[in-house]
Amino acid sequence: MSSHAHALDTDHGGGDHDASMDKFYVKVAIILTIITIIEVAIYYVSALQGVLIPALLALSTLKFVMVVSIFMHLKYENKLLTWIFVAGMFISVAVMIAMVSVFHAGTYYAPVLLPAAS
């Protein structure tokens, strides 16, 4: 047996491997992929341009919550950590909304420069 094959056969202390958790993570990955496909599709459908930003914010928030709660195991942690992540999400959404409001539709209002007084 080669050393490579032997390395593949060794148990690294994982002990019990729960196949149902593998299926759960695959389902979560499929759901995240579907949400991403919906996000890309929304961007290319011209009839949805009026709701583009709110829809993308909602879908991104949903993905954020799924990833943080499932893959970072946040649902099993102290509630303070949950509130820290939630606060961070609300702050980032607020900043995005503010930036979109300031630079809406690519319109930028430059400050008027007055000529210097002589």
N, C-alpha and C. Protein backbone atom coordinates (compact mmCIF):
# COMPACT_ATOMS: atom_id res chain seq x y z
N MET A 1 0.85 -1.17 0.00
CA MET A 1 0.00 0.00 0.00
C MET A 1 0.89 1.23 0.00
N SER A 2 0.58 2.16 -0.89
CA SER A 2 1.39 3.38 -0.96
C SER A 2 1.07 4.27 0.23
N SER A 3 1.97 5.21 0.46
CA SER A 3 1.76 6.10 1.61
C SER A 3 0.55 7.01 1.37
N HIS A 4 0.29 7.32 0.10
CA HIS A 4 -0.88 8.16 -0.21
C HIS A 4 -2.18 7.41 0.11
N ALA A 5 -2.26 6.15 -0.28
CA ALA A 5 -3.46 5.36 0.01
C ALA A 5 -3.60 5.16 1.51
N HIS A 6 -2.47 4.96 2.21
CA HIS A 6 -2.53 4.79 3.66
C HIS A 6 -3.03 6.07 4.34
N ALA A 7 -2.63 7.22 3.82
CA ALA A 7 -3.06 8.49 4.40
C ALA A 7 -4.56 8.68 4.22
N LEU A 8 -5.11 8.17 3.13
CA LEU A 8 -6.54 8.30 2.90
C LEU A 8 -7.35 7.38 3.80
N ASP A 9 -6.75 6.26 4.21
CA ASP A 9 -7.47 5.29 5.04
C ASP A 9 -7.42 5.62 6.53
N THR A 10 -6.58 6.56 6.93
CA THR A 10 -6.43 6.84 8.37
C THR A 10 -7.57 7.68 8.89
N ASP A 11 -7.99 7.34 10.08
CA ASP A 11 -9.01 8.13 10.77
C ASP A 11 -8.29 9.20 11.58
N HIS A 12 -8.67 10.45 11.39
CA HIS A 12 -8.00 11.55 12.06
C HIS A 12 -8.76 11.99 13.30
N GLY A 13 -9.33 11.06 13.98
CA GLY A 13 -9.99 11.38 15.23
C GLY A 13 -11.38 11.97 15.06
N GLY A 14 -11.92 11.91 13.85
CA GLY A 14 -13.25 12.45 13.62
C GLY A 14 -14.31 11.65 14.34
N GLY A 15 -14.03 10.39 14.58
CA GLY A 15 -14.98 9.55 15.31
C GLY A 15 -16.26 9.37 14.53
N ASP A 16 -17.36 9.71 15.17
CA ASP A 16 -18.67 9.53 14.55
C ASP A 16 -18.87 10.57 13.46
N HIS A 17 -19.21 10.09 12.29
CA HIS A 17 -19.48 10.98 11.17
C HIS A 17 -20.96 10.85 10.85
N ASP A 18 -21.67 11.94 10.98
CA ASP A 18 -23.11 11.93 10.80
C ASP A 18 -23.44 12.26 9.34
N ALA A 19 -23.92 11.26 8.61
CA ALA A 19 -24.25 11.45 7.19
C ALA A 19 -25.45 12.38 7.02
N SER A 20 -26.33 12.44 8.02
CA SER A 20 -27.48 13.32 7.90
C SER A 20 -27.06 14.78 7.90
N MET A 21 -25.98 15.11 8.61
CA MET A 21 -25.47 16.49 8.60
C MET A 21 -24.90 16.83 7.23
N ASP A 22 -24.27 15.86 6.57
CA ASP A 22 -23.78 16.09 5.22
C ASP A 22 -24.93 16.45 4.29
N LYS A 23 -26.02 15.70 4.39
CA LYS A 23 -27.20 15.97 3.57
C LYS A 23 -27.78 17.35 3.88
N PHE A 24 -27.79 17.70 5.16
CA PHE A 24 -28.29 19.01 5.56
C PHE A 24 -27.45 20.13 4.94
N TYR A 25 -26.12 20.00 5.00
CA TYR A 25 -25.25 21.03 4.44
C TYR A 25 -25.37 21.11 2.92
N VAL A 26 -25.59 19.98 2.27
CA VAL A 26 -25.80 19.99 0.82
C VAL A 26 -27.11 20.72 0.50
N LYS A 27 -28.15 20.48 1.28
CA LYS A 27 -29.43 21.18 1.07
C LYS A 27 -29.25 22.69 1.26
N VAL A 28 -28.50 23.08 2.28
CA VAL A 28 -28.26 24.50 2.52
C VAL A 28 -27.48 25.10 1.35
N ALA A 29 -26.49 24.39 0.85
CA ALA A 29 -25.71 24.87 -0.29
C ALA A 29 -26.59 25.03 -1.53
N ILE A 30 -27.50 24.11 -1.73
CA ILE A 30 -28.42 24.20 -2.87
C ILE A 30 -29.33 25.42 -2.72
N ILE A 31 -29.84 25.64 -1.50
CA ILE A 31 -30.70 26.81 -1.26
C ILE A 31 -29.93 28.10 -1.51
N LEU A 32 -28.69 28.18 -1.03
CA LEU A 32 -27.87 29.38 -1.25
C LEU A 32 -27.59 29.59 -2.73
N THR A 33 -27.38 28.51 -3.46
CA THR A 33 -27.16 28.61 -4.91
C THR A 33 -28.41 29.11 -5.61
N ILE A 34 -29.57 28.61 -5.22
CA ILE A 34 -30.83 29.05 -5.82
C ILE A 34 -31.06 30.54 -5.55
N ILE A 35 -30.78 30.98 -4.33
CA ILE A 35 -30.94 32.40 -4.01
C ILE A 35 -30.00 33.25 -4.85
N THR A 36 -28.77 32.78 -5.06
CA THR A 36 -27.81 33.51 -5.89
C THR A 36 -28.29 33.58 -7.34
N ILE A 37 -28.84 32.49 -7.84
CA ILE A 37 -29.38 32.48 -9.22
C ILE A 37 -30.53 33.47 -9.33
N ILE A 38 -31.39 33.53 -8.31
CA ILE A 38 -32.49 34.49 -8.32
C ILE A 38 -31.95 35.92 -8.32
N GLU A 39 -30.90 36.17 -7.54
CA GLU A 39 -30.30 37.51 -7.50
C GLU A 39 -29.78 37.92 -8.88
N VAL A 40 -29.09 37.01 -9.53
CA VAL A 40 -28.55 37.32 -10.87
C VAL A 40 -29.70 37.52 -11.86
N ALA A 41 -30.72 36.69 -11.77
CA ALA A 41 -31.87 36.81 -12.68
C ALA A 41 -32.60 38.12 -12.48
N ILE A 42 -32.77 38.54 -11.23
CA ILE A 42 -33.45 39.82 -10.96
C ILE A 42 -32.69 40.97 -11.61
N TYR A 43 -31.38 40.89 -11.59
CA TYR A 43 -30.57 41.96 -12.18
C TYR A 43 -30.82 42.09 -13.69
N TYR A 44 -31.04 40.98 -14.36
CA TYR A 44 -31.18 41.01 -15.82
C TYR A 44 -32.62 41.16 -16.30
N VAL A 45 -33.61 41.14 -15.42
CA VAL A 45 -35.01 41.32 -15.83
C VAL A 45 -35.33 42.81 -15.73
N SER A 46 -35.53 43.43 -16.89
CA SER A 46 -35.73 44.88 -16.91
C SER A 46 -37.03 45.31 -16.23
N ALA A 47 -38.04 44.46 -16.19
CA ALA A 47 -39.31 44.81 -15.55
C ALA A 47 -39.16 44.94 -14.03
N LEU A 48 -38.10 44.36 -13.47
CA LEU A 48 -37.91 44.40 -12.02
C LEU A 48 -36.91 45.48 -11.58
N GLN A 49 -36.52 46.36 -12.48
CA GLN A 49 -35.53 47.37 -12.14
C GLN A 49 -36.00 48.31 -11.03
N GLY A 50 -37.31 48.52 -10.90
CA GLY A 50 -37.82 49.40 -9.85
C GLY A 50 -37.65 48.83 -8.45
N VAL A 51 -37.62 47.52 -8.34
CA VAL A 51 -37.47 46.87 -7.04
C VAL A 51 -36.13 46.15 -6.92
N LEU A 52 -35.21 46.49 -7.79
CA LEU A 52 -33.92 45.79 -7.83
C LEU A 52 -33.18 45.87 -6.50
N ILE A 53 -32.98 47.05 -6.01
CA ILE A 53 -32.16 47.21 -4.80
C ILE A 53 -32.85 46.62 -3.57
N PRO A 54 -34.14 46.90 -3.32
CA PRO A 54 -34.76 46.25 -2.16
C PRO A 54 -34.76 44.72 -2.26
N ALA A 55 -34.98 44.19 -3.45
CA ALA A 55 -34.99 42.73 -3.61
C ALA A 55 -33.61 42.14 -3.36
N LEU A 56 -32.58 42.77 -3.90
CA LEU A 56 -31.23 42.27 -3.68
C LEU A 56 -30.81 42.40 -2.21
N LEU A 57 -31.22 43.48 -1.56
CA LEU A 57 -30.92 43.63 -0.13
C LEU A 57 -31.61 42.54 0.69
N ALA A 58 -32.86 42.26 0.37
CA ALA A 58 -33.59 41.22 1.11
C ALA A 58 -32.96 39.85 0.90
N LEU A 59 -32.64 39.52 -0.35
CA LEU A 59 -32.04 38.21 -0.63
C LEU A 59 -30.65 38.10 -0.01
N SER A 60 -29.87 39.17 -0.06
CA SER A 60 -28.54 39.14 0.55
C SER A 60 -28.62 38.99 2.06
N THR A 61 -29.60 39.65 2.66
CA THR A 61 -29.80 39.52 4.10
C THR A 61 -30.18 38.09 4.46
N LEU A 62 -31.04 37.49 3.67
CA LEU A 62 -31.43 36.10 3.90
C LEU A 62 -30.21 35.17 3.82
N LYS A 63 -29.37 35.38 2.81
CA LYS A 63 -28.17 34.55 2.69
C LYS A 63 -27.22 34.78 3.86
N PHE A 64 -27.07 36.03 4.28
CA PHE A 64 -26.22 36.34 5.42
C PHE A 64 -26.69 35.60 6.67
N VAL A 65 -27.98 35.67 6.93
CA VAL A 65 -28.54 35.02 8.12
C VAL A 65 -28.32 33.51 8.05
N MET A 66 -28.53 32.92 6.88
CA MET A 66 -28.34 31.47 6.74
C MET A 66 -26.88 31.08 6.99
N VAL A 67 -25.97 31.80 6.38
CA VAL A 67 -24.55 31.44 6.51
C VAL A 67 -24.08 31.62 7.95
N VAL A 68 -24.46 32.74 8.55
CA VAL A 68 -24.01 33.00 9.92
C VAL A 68 -24.62 32.01 10.90
N SER A 69 -25.90 31.75 10.78
CA SER A 69 -26.54 30.88 11.76
C SER A 69 -26.19 29.41 11.57
N ILE A 70 -25.98 28.99 10.34
CA ILE A 70 -25.74 27.56 10.09
C ILE A 70 -24.25 27.24 10.07
N PHE A 71 -23.49 27.92 9.21
CA PHE A 71 -22.09 27.55 9.04
C PHE A 71 -21.20 28.07 10.15
N MET A 72 -21.60 29.17 10.79
CA MET A 72 -20.81 29.68 11.90
C MET A 72 -21.38 29.20 13.24
N HIS A 73 -22.41 28.36 13.19
CA HIS A 73 -23.03 27.77 14.37
C HIS A 73 -23.47 28.81 15.39
N LEU A 74 -23.91 29.95 14.89
CA LEU A 74 -24.28 31.06 15.76
C LEU A 74 -25.53 30.75 16.58
N LYS A 75 -26.39 29.88 16.06
CA LYS A 75 -27.62 29.59 16.80
C LYS A 75 -27.35 28.85 18.10
N TYR A 76 -26.16 28.30 18.25
CA TYR A 76 -25.81 27.58 19.48
C TYR A 76 -25.00 28.44 20.45
N GLU A 77 -24.66 29.65 20.02
CA GLU A 77 -23.79 30.51 20.83
C GLU A 77 -24.60 31.45 21.71
N ASN A 78 -23.89 32.26 22.46
CA ASN A 78 -24.47 33.27 23.32
C ASN A 78 -25.28 34.26 22.47
N LYS A 79 -26.41 34.71 22.97
CA LYS A 79 -27.28 35.63 22.22
C LYS A 79 -26.60 36.96 21.94
N LEU A 80 -25.61 37.34 22.75
CA LEU A 80 -24.88 38.58 22.50
C LEU A 80 -24.19 38.54 21.14
N LEU A 81 -23.61 37.40 20.81
CA LEU A 81 -22.96 37.26 19.50
C LEU A 81 -23.97 37.40 18.37
N THR A 82 -25.14 36.85 18.56
CA THR A 82 -26.20 36.98 17.56
C THR A 82 -26.54 38.45 17.35
N TRP A 83 -26.69 39.19 18.44
CA TRP A 83 -27.02 40.61 18.32
C TRP A 83 -25.90 41.41 17.68
N ILE A 84 -24.66 41.02 17.90
CA ILE A 84 -23.53 41.70 17.26
C ILE A 84 -23.62 41.53 15.75
N PHE A 85 -23.89 40.31 15.29
CA PHE A 85 -24.00 40.08 13.85
C PHE A 85 -25.22 40.79 13.27
N VAL A 86 -26.33 40.77 13.99
CA VAL A 86 -27.54 41.44 13.52
C VAL A 86 -27.31 42.94 13.42
N ALA A 87 -26.67 43.52 14.43
CA ALA A 87 -26.38 44.95 14.40
C ALA A 87 -25.46 45.29 13.23
N GLY A 88 -24.47 44.45 12.99
CA GLY A 88 -23.57 44.67 11.85
C GLY A 88 -24.31 44.62 10.53
N MET A 89 -25.25 43.70 10.42
CA MET A 89 -26.04 43.60 9.19
C MET A 89 -26.90 44.84 8.99
N PHE A 90 -27.57 45.29 10.06
CA PHE A 90 -28.41 46.49 9.93
C PHE A 90 -27.57 47.72 9.60
N ILE A 91 -26.40 47.84 10.18
CA ILE A 91 -25.53 48.97 9.88
C ILE A 91 -25.09 48.93 8.41
N SER A 92 -24.72 47.75 7.93
CA SER A 92 -24.28 47.65 6.53
C SER A 92 -25.42 47.94 5.56
N VAL A 93 -26.63 47.48 5.88
CA VAL A 93 -27.79 47.77 5.02
C VAL A 93 -28.09 49.27 5.05
N ALA A 94 -27.99 49.89 6.22
CA ALA A 94 -28.23 51.33 6.32
C ALA A 94 -27.21 52.11 5.51
N VAL A 95 -25.95 51.71 5.55
CA VAL A 95 -24.91 52.38 4.77
C VAL A 95 -25.18 52.21 3.28
N MET A 96 -25.59 51.01 2.87
CA MET A 96 -25.89 50.78 1.46
C MET A 96 -27.06 51.64 1.00
N ILE A 97 -28.10 51.72 1.81
CA ILE A 97 -29.27 52.54 1.46
C ILE A 97 -28.86 54.01 1.39
N ALA A 98 -28.05 54.46 2.33
CA ALA A 98 -27.59 55.85 2.31
C ALA A 98 -26.76 56.14 1.06
N MET A 99 -25.88 55.23 0.70
CA MET A 99 -25.05 55.44 -0.49
C MET A 99 -25.89 55.46 -1.76
N VAL A 100 -26.87 54.58 -1.84
CA VAL A 100 -27.74 54.57 -3.01
C VAL A 100 -28.55 55.86 -3.06
N SER A 101 -29.00 56.33 -1.90
CA SER A 101 -29.77 57.58 -1.85
C SER A 101 -28.92 58.77 -2.29
N VAL A 102 -27.69 58.80 -1.85
CA VAL A 102 -26.81 59.92 -2.19
C VAL A 102 -26.45 59.90 -3.68
N PHE A 103 -26.16 58.73 -4.19
CA PHE A 103 -25.71 58.60 -5.58
C PHE A 103 -26.78 57.94 -6.44
N HIS A 104 -28.04 58.27 -6.21
CA HIS A 104 -29.17 57.64 -6.90
C HIS A 104 -29.04 57.77 -8.41
N ALA A 105 -29.16 56.65 -9.08
CA ALA A 105 -29.18 56.55 -10.55
C ALA A 105 -27.96 57.21 -11.17
N GLY A 106 -26.86 57.18 -10.47
CA GLY A 106 -25.63 57.72 -11.04
C GLY A 106 -25.58 59.23 -11.08
N THR A 107 -26.57 59.91 -10.52
CA THR A 107 -26.59 61.36 -10.52
C THR A 107 -25.79 61.85 -9.33
N TYR A 108 -24.80 62.64 -9.62
CA TYR A 108 -23.97 63.18 -8.56
C TYR A 108 -24.04 64.70 -8.63
N TYR A 109 -24.38 65.30 -7.52
CA TYR A 109 -24.48 66.75 -7.48
C TYR A 109 -23.20 67.30 -6.90
N ALA A 110 -22.37 67.85 -7.78
CA ALA A 110 -21.09 68.40 -7.35
C ALA A 110 -21.33 69.75 -6.66
N PRO A 111 -20.53 70.05 -5.68
CA PRO A 111 -20.68 71.35 -5.03
C PRO A 111 -20.34 72.48 -5.98
N VAL A 112 -21.04 73.57 -5.85
CA VAL A 112 -20.79 74.72 -6.71
C VAL A 112 -19.61 75.48 -6.12
N LEU A 113 -18.62 75.70 -6.96
CA LEU A 113 -17.45 76.45 -6.52
C LEU A 113 -17.63 77.91 -6.90
N LEU A 114 -17.60 78.75 -5.91
CA LEU A 114 -17.75 80.19 -6.15
C LEU A 114 -16.39 80.79 -6.44
N PRO A 115 -16.38 81.78 -7.34
CA PRO A 115 -15.09 82.42 -7.62
C PRO A 115 -14.60 83.17 -6.37
N ALA A 116 -13.32 83.24 -6.25
CA ALA A 116 -12.73 83.92 -5.09
C ALA A 116 -13.02 85.41 -5.17
N ALA A 117 -13.29 85.99 -4.02
CA ALA A 117 -13.55 87.44 -3.96
C ALA A 117 -12.25 88.18 -4.16
N SER A 118 -12.31 89.31 -4.94
CA SER A 118 -11.08 90.05 -5.18
C SER A 118 -10.96 91.26 -4.30
